[in-house]
């Protein structure tokens, strides 16, 4: 199992607009290729201009295949361009995580 943990930070005051843009134009196409996210959450304390999502993959090859299919989808390219034009995002941090052996994890 491989978890792709991503943290995105938006310009102050734009997170709701960014998430609305993603909900309308990005979520369906991304979910079509990656499946349902394990977690998609906005930050309640700390940096309230950020949100996190976690996608689960069987392994690195599964992640590579699914993300390549997403990148090749014209609808995803349209969403990415809309997001760039909106300019809401300031930063993105990705972490690939593997589970520890002594805790059971649910599968995607």
N, C-alpha and C. Protein backbone atom coordinates (compact mmCIF):
# COMPACT_ATOMS: atom_id res chain seq x y z
N UNK A 1 0.85 -1.17 0.00
CA UNK A 1 0.00 0.00 0.00
C UNK A 1 0.90 1.24 0.00
N UNK A 2 0.49 2.23 -0.77
CA UNK A 2 1.21 3.50 -0.86
C UNK A 2 0.20 4.63 -0.74
N UNK A 3 0.46 5.55 0.17
CA UNK A 3 -0.42 6.71 0.37
C UNK A 3 0.26 7.95 -0.18
N UNK A 4 -0.48 8.71 -0.97
CA UNK A 4 -0.01 9.98 -1.53
C UNK A 4 -0.70 11.08 -0.75
N UNK A 5 0.04 11.70 0.16
CA UNK A 5 -0.48 12.75 1.06
C UNK A 5 -0.08 14.10 0.49
N UNK A 6 -1.06 14.93 0.19
CA UNK A 6 -0.80 16.23 -0.43
C UNK A 6 -1.39 17.34 0.41
N UNK A 7 -0.60 18.38 0.62
CA UNK A 7 -1.07 19.57 1.30
C UNK A 7 -0.96 20.74 0.34
N UNK A 8 -2.05 21.46 0.17
CA UNK A 8 -2.10 22.62 -0.70
C UNK A 8 -2.39 23.85 0.14
N UNK A 9 -1.71 24.95 -0.15
CA UNK A 9 -1.94 26.21 0.55
C UNK A 9 -2.42 27.24 -0.46
N UNK A 10 -3.52 27.89 -0.11
CA UNK A 10 -4.12 28.91 -0.98
C UNK A 10 -3.82 30.31 -0.47
N UNK A 11 -3.92 31.27 -1.36
CA UNK A 11 -3.82 32.67 -0.95
C UNK A 11 -4.93 32.94 0.05
N UNK A 12 -4.67 33.79 1.02
CA UNK A 12 -5.66 34.11 2.05
C UNK A 12 -6.97 34.56 1.40
N UNK A 13 -8.05 34.01 1.90
CA UNK A 13 -9.37 34.39 1.43
C UNK A 13 -9.83 33.71 0.15
N UNK A 14 -9.06 32.76 -0.39
CA UNK A 14 -9.44 32.14 -1.66
C UNK A 14 -9.73 30.65 -1.57
N UNK A 15 -9.58 30.05 -0.41
CA UNK A 15 -9.70 28.59 -0.33
C UNK A 15 -11.09 28.11 -0.72
N UNK A 16 -12.14 28.81 -0.31
CA UNK A 16 -13.49 28.39 -0.67
C UNK A 16 -13.70 28.46 -2.18
N UNK A 17 -13.17 29.49 -2.83
CA UNK A 17 -13.30 29.60 -4.28
C UNK A 17 -12.50 28.50 -4.98
N UNK A 18 -11.29 28.22 -4.45
CA UNK A 18 -10.47 27.17 -5.04
C UNK A 18 -11.17 25.81 -4.94
N UNK A 19 -11.68 25.49 -3.75
CA UNK A 19 -12.35 24.20 -3.57
C UNK A 19 -13.62 24.12 -4.42
N UNK A 20 -14.33 25.21 -4.60
CA UNK A 20 -15.52 25.22 -5.46
C UNK A 20 -15.13 24.95 -6.91
N UNK A 21 -14.04 25.54 -7.37
CA UNK A 21 -13.54 25.31 -8.72
C UNK A 21 -13.18 23.84 -8.90
N UNK A 22 -12.49 23.28 -7.92
CA UNK A 22 -12.11 21.86 -7.97
C UNK A 22 -13.36 20.96 -7.95
N UNK A 23 -14.29 21.28 -7.07
CA UNK A 23 -15.50 20.46 -6.98
C UNK A 23 -16.25 20.43 -8.32
N UNK A 24 -16.34 21.57 -8.97
CA UNK A 24 -17.09 21.66 -10.22
C UNK A 24 -16.34 21.09 -11.42
N UNK A 25 -15.01 21.28 -11.47
CA UNK A 25 -14.28 20.94 -12.70
C UNK A 25 -13.19 19.88 -12.53
N UNK A 26 -12.75 19.59 -11.32
CA UNK A 26 -11.63 18.68 -11.15
C UNK A 26 -11.94 17.36 -10.47
N UNK A 27 -12.85 17.38 -9.51
CA UNK A 27 -13.07 16.20 -8.67
C UNK A 27 -13.52 14.98 -9.47
N UNK A 28 -14.50 15.14 -10.35
CA UNK A 28 -15.03 13.99 -11.08
C UNK A 28 -13.97 13.33 -11.96
N UNK A 29 -13.22 14.15 -12.69
CA UNK A 29 -12.20 13.56 -13.58
C UNK A 29 -11.07 12.94 -12.78
N UNK A 30 -10.68 13.56 -11.68
CA UNK A 30 -9.61 12.98 -10.87
C UNK A 30 -10.06 11.67 -10.24
N UNK A 31 -11.26 11.64 -9.72
CA UNK A 31 -11.79 10.42 -9.11
C UNK A 31 -11.98 9.31 -10.13
N UNK A 32 -12.31 9.68 -11.37
CA UNK A 32 -12.47 8.68 -12.44
C UNK A 32 -11.18 7.89 -12.62
N UNK A 33 -10.05 8.54 -12.49
CA UNK A 33 -8.77 7.87 -12.72
C UNK A 33 -8.12 7.34 -11.45
N UNK A 34 -8.29 8.04 -10.33
CA UNK A 34 -7.59 7.66 -9.10
C UNK A 34 -8.46 6.90 -8.11
N UNK A 35 -9.77 6.88 -8.35
CA UNK A 35 -10.69 6.32 -7.38
C UNK A 35 -11.02 7.38 -6.33
N UNK A 36 -11.76 6.99 -5.33
CA UNK A 36 -12.14 7.94 -4.27
C UNK A 36 -10.93 8.22 -3.38
N UNK A 37 -10.78 9.47 -2.97
CA UNK A 37 -9.68 9.76 -2.04
C UNK A 37 -9.96 9.13 -0.68
N UNK A 38 -8.90 8.76 0.00
CA UNK A 38 -9.03 8.23 1.35
C UNK A 38 -9.44 9.35 2.31
N UNK A 39 -8.95 10.56 2.02
CA UNK A 39 -9.26 11.73 2.84
C UNK A 39 -9.17 12.97 1.97
N UNK A 40 -10.10 13.89 2.17
CA UNK A 40 -10.06 15.21 1.53
C UNK A 40 -10.61 16.15 2.58
N UNK A 41 -9.77 17.03 3.15
CA UNK A 41 -10.20 17.82 4.29
C UNK A 41 -9.56 19.19 4.30
N UNK A 42 -10.35 20.17 4.74
CA UNK A 42 -9.80 21.52 4.93
C UNK A 42 -9.28 21.62 6.36
N UNK A 43 -8.34 22.53 6.55
CA UNK A 43 -7.71 22.70 7.85
C UNK A 43 -8.57 23.57 8.75
N UNK A 44 -8.85 23.09 9.94
CA UNK A 44 -9.67 23.83 10.88
C UNK A 44 -8.83 24.66 11.85
N UNK A 45 -7.66 24.16 12.20
CA UNK A 45 -6.75 24.91 13.06
C UNK A 45 -5.39 24.93 12.39
N UNK A 46 -4.55 25.86 12.79
CA UNK A 46 -3.26 26.01 12.13
C UNK A 46 -3.42 26.90 10.91
N UNK A 47 -2.84 26.49 9.79
CA UNK A 47 -2.94 27.29 8.56
C UNK A 47 -4.30 27.04 7.92
N UNK A 48 -5.26 27.90 8.20
CA UNK A 48 -6.63 27.72 7.72
C UNK A 48 -6.77 28.00 6.22
N UNK A 49 -5.69 28.37 5.58
CA UNK A 49 -5.70 28.57 4.13
C UNK A 49 -5.20 27.32 3.41
N UNK A 50 -5.19 26.18 4.09
CA UNK A 50 -4.67 24.96 3.48
C UNK A 50 -5.69 23.83 3.59
N UNK A 51 -5.48 22.83 2.75
CA UNK A 51 -6.28 21.62 2.80
C UNK A 51 -5.38 20.44 2.45
N UNK A 52 -5.87 19.25 2.78
CA UNK A 52 -5.10 18.02 2.61
C UNK A 52 -5.96 17.00 1.88
N UNK A 53 -5.32 16.23 1.03
CA UNK A 53 -6.00 15.04 0.54
C UNK A 53 -5.01 13.89 0.47
N UNK A 54 -5.56 12.67 0.62
CA UNK A 54 -4.76 11.46 0.65
C UNK A 54 -5.40 10.47 -0.32
N UNK A 55 -4.58 9.97 -1.23
CA UNK A 55 -5.01 8.95 -2.19
C UNK A 55 -4.25 7.67 -1.87
N UNK A 56 -4.91 6.53 -1.98
CA UNK A 56 -4.28 5.25 -1.68
C UNK A 56 -4.08 4.47 -2.97
N UNK A 57 -2.91 3.86 -3.08
CA UNK A 57 -2.55 3.05 -4.24
C UNK A 57 -2.04 1.71 -3.76
N UNK A 58 -2.14 0.71 -4.62
CA UNK A 58 -1.62 -0.61 -4.29
C UNK A 58 -0.11 -0.55 -4.12
N UNK A 59 0.57 0.15 -5.03
CA UNK A 59 2.02 0.28 -4.99
C UNK A 59 2.43 1.44 -5.92
N UNK A 60 3.71 1.66 -6.09
CA UNK A 60 4.20 2.78 -6.91
C UNK A 60 3.79 2.63 -8.37
N UNK A 61 3.76 1.41 -8.88
CA UNK A 61 3.37 1.19 -10.27
C UNK A 61 1.89 1.54 -10.48
N UNK A 62 1.06 1.18 -9.52
CA UNK A 62 -0.36 1.52 -9.59
C UNK A 62 -0.54 3.03 -9.60
N UNK A 63 0.19 3.72 -8.75
CA UNK A 63 0.13 5.18 -8.70
C UNK A 63 0.59 5.78 -10.03
N UNK A 64 1.69 5.28 -10.55
CA UNK A 64 2.23 5.81 -11.80
C UNK A 64 1.24 5.63 -12.95
N UNK A 65 0.63 4.47 -13.04
CA UNK A 65 -0.33 4.19 -14.11
C UNK A 65 -1.56 5.10 -13.99
N UNK A 66 -2.11 5.20 -12.80
CA UNK A 66 -3.32 6.01 -12.60
C UNK A 66 -3.05 7.49 -12.83
N UNK A 67 -1.92 7.98 -12.36
CA UNK A 67 -1.61 9.40 -12.53
C UNK A 67 -1.29 9.71 -13.99
N UNK A 68 -0.70 8.76 -14.72
CA UNK A 68 -0.46 8.97 -16.16
C UNK A 68 -1.77 9.06 -16.92
N UNK A 69 -2.73 8.21 -16.57
CA UNK A 69 -4.05 8.27 -17.22
C UNK A 69 -4.74 9.59 -16.91
N UNK A 70 -4.62 10.06 -15.68
CA UNK A 70 -5.18 11.36 -15.30
C UNK A 70 -4.53 12.48 -16.11
N UNK A 71 -3.23 12.47 -16.19
CA UNK A 71 -2.50 13.52 -16.91
C UNK A 71 -2.86 13.54 -18.39
N UNK A 72 -3.23 12.40 -18.95
CA UNK A 72 -3.57 12.31 -20.37
C UNK A 72 -5.01 12.71 -20.67
N UNK A 73 -5.81 12.90 -19.64
CA UNK A 73 -7.23 13.22 -19.84
C UNK A 73 -7.39 14.71 -20.15
N UNK A 74 -7.98 15.05 -21.31
CA UNK A 74 -8.16 16.46 -21.67
C UNK A 74 -8.97 17.26 -20.65
N UNK A 75 -9.92 16.62 -19.99
CA UNK A 75 -10.72 17.33 -18.98
C UNK A 75 -9.85 17.76 -17.80
N UNK A 76 -8.85 16.96 -17.45
CA UNK A 76 -7.93 17.32 -16.36
C UNK A 76 -7.08 18.51 -16.78
N UNK A 77 -6.63 18.51 -18.03
CA UNK A 77 -5.83 19.63 -18.54
C UNK A 77 -6.64 20.93 -18.49
N UNK A 78 -7.92 20.85 -18.81
CA UNK A 78 -8.79 22.04 -18.75
C UNK A 78 -8.88 22.53 -17.30
N UNK A 79 -9.10 21.60 -16.38
CA UNK A 79 -9.17 22.01 -14.96
C UNK A 79 -7.85 22.65 -14.51
N UNK A 80 -6.73 22.04 -14.84
CA UNK A 80 -5.43 22.59 -14.42
C UNK A 80 -5.23 24.01 -14.96
N UNK A 81 -5.65 24.24 -16.18
CA UNK A 81 -5.52 25.59 -16.75
C UNK A 81 -6.44 26.57 -16.02
N UNK A 82 -7.63 26.15 -15.71
CA UNK A 82 -8.56 27.01 -14.95
C UNK A 82 -7.97 27.33 -13.58
N UNK A 83 -7.38 26.35 -12.94
CA UNK A 83 -6.77 26.56 -11.63
C UNK A 83 -5.59 27.52 -11.72
N UNK A 84 -4.75 27.35 -12.75
CA UNK A 84 -3.62 28.27 -12.94
C UNK A 84 -4.11 29.70 -13.16
N UNK A 85 -5.11 29.84 -14.01
CA UNK A 85 -5.64 31.17 -14.32
C UNK A 85 -6.25 31.83 -13.08
N UNK A 86 -6.90 31.04 -12.23
CA UNK A 86 -7.50 31.59 -11.01
C UNK A 86 -6.42 32.09 -10.05
N UNK A 87 -5.30 31.40 -10.00
CA UNK A 87 -4.18 31.83 -9.17
C UNK A 87 -4.40 31.71 -7.67
N UNK A 88 -5.25 30.81 -7.24
CA UNK A 88 -5.53 30.66 -5.82
C UNK A 88 -4.42 29.95 -5.06
N UNK A 89 -3.72 29.02 -5.72
CA UNK A 89 -2.73 28.19 -5.02
C UNK A 89 -1.39 28.89 -4.86
N UNK A 90 -0.83 28.78 -3.67
CA UNK A 90 0.51 29.30 -3.39
C UNK A 90 1.56 28.20 -3.34
N UNK A 91 1.16 27.03 -2.79
CA UNK A 91 2.16 25.99 -2.52
C UNK A 91 1.50 24.62 -2.51
N UNK A 92 2.28 23.62 -2.87
CA UNK A 92 1.86 22.23 -2.83
C UNK A 92 2.99 21.42 -2.24
N UNK A 93 2.67 20.53 -1.31
CA UNK A 93 3.66 19.63 -0.73
C UNK A 93 3.12 18.20 -0.83
N UNK A 94 3.91 17.31 -1.42
CA UNK A 94 3.52 15.91 -1.57
C UNK A 94 4.43 15.03 -0.72
N UNK A 95 3.83 14.01 -0.12
CA UNK A 95 4.58 13.00 0.61
C UNK A 95 4.03 11.64 0.22
N UNK A 96 4.90 10.73 -0.15
CA UNK A 96 4.50 9.35 -0.38
C UNK A 96 4.80 8.58 0.89
N UNK A 97 3.79 7.91 1.41
CA UNK A 97 3.89 7.24 2.71
C UNK A 97 3.59 5.76 2.56
N UNK A 98 4.30 4.94 3.33
CA UNK A 98 4.00 3.51 3.41
C UNK A 98 3.55 3.20 4.84
N UNK A 99 2.56 2.35 5.00
CA UNK A 99 2.05 2.06 6.34
C UNK A 99 3.02 1.23 7.17
N UNK A 100 2.92 1.40 8.46
CA UNK A 100 3.70 0.57 9.38
C UNK A 100 3.01 -0.79 9.50
N UNK A 101 3.75 -1.78 9.89
CA UNK A 101 3.24 -3.16 9.90
C UNK A 101 2.27 -3.46 11.04
N UNK A 102 2.31 -2.69 12.13
CA UNK A 102 1.53 -3.05 13.31
C UNK A 102 0.17 -2.36 13.40
N UNK A 103 -0.24 -1.64 12.35
CA UNK A 103 -1.57 -1.02 12.34
C UNK A 103 -2.29 -1.45 11.06
N UNK A 104 -3.51 -1.93 11.20
CA UNK A 104 -4.31 -2.33 10.04
C UNK A 104 -4.81 -1.08 9.32
N UNK A 105 -4.72 -1.05 8.00
CA UNK A 105 -5.19 0.06 7.20
C UNK A 105 -6.26 -0.44 6.26
N UNK A 106 -7.26 0.38 6.06
CA UNK A 106 -8.29 -0.02 5.09
C UNK A 106 -7.77 0.17 3.68
N UNK A 107 -8.27 -0.61 2.79
CA UNK A 107 -7.80 -0.55 1.40
C UNK A 107 -8.67 0.39 0.59
N UNK A 108 -8.14 0.91 -0.51
CA UNK A 108 -8.92 1.85 -1.33
C UNK A 108 -10.08 1.17 -2.04
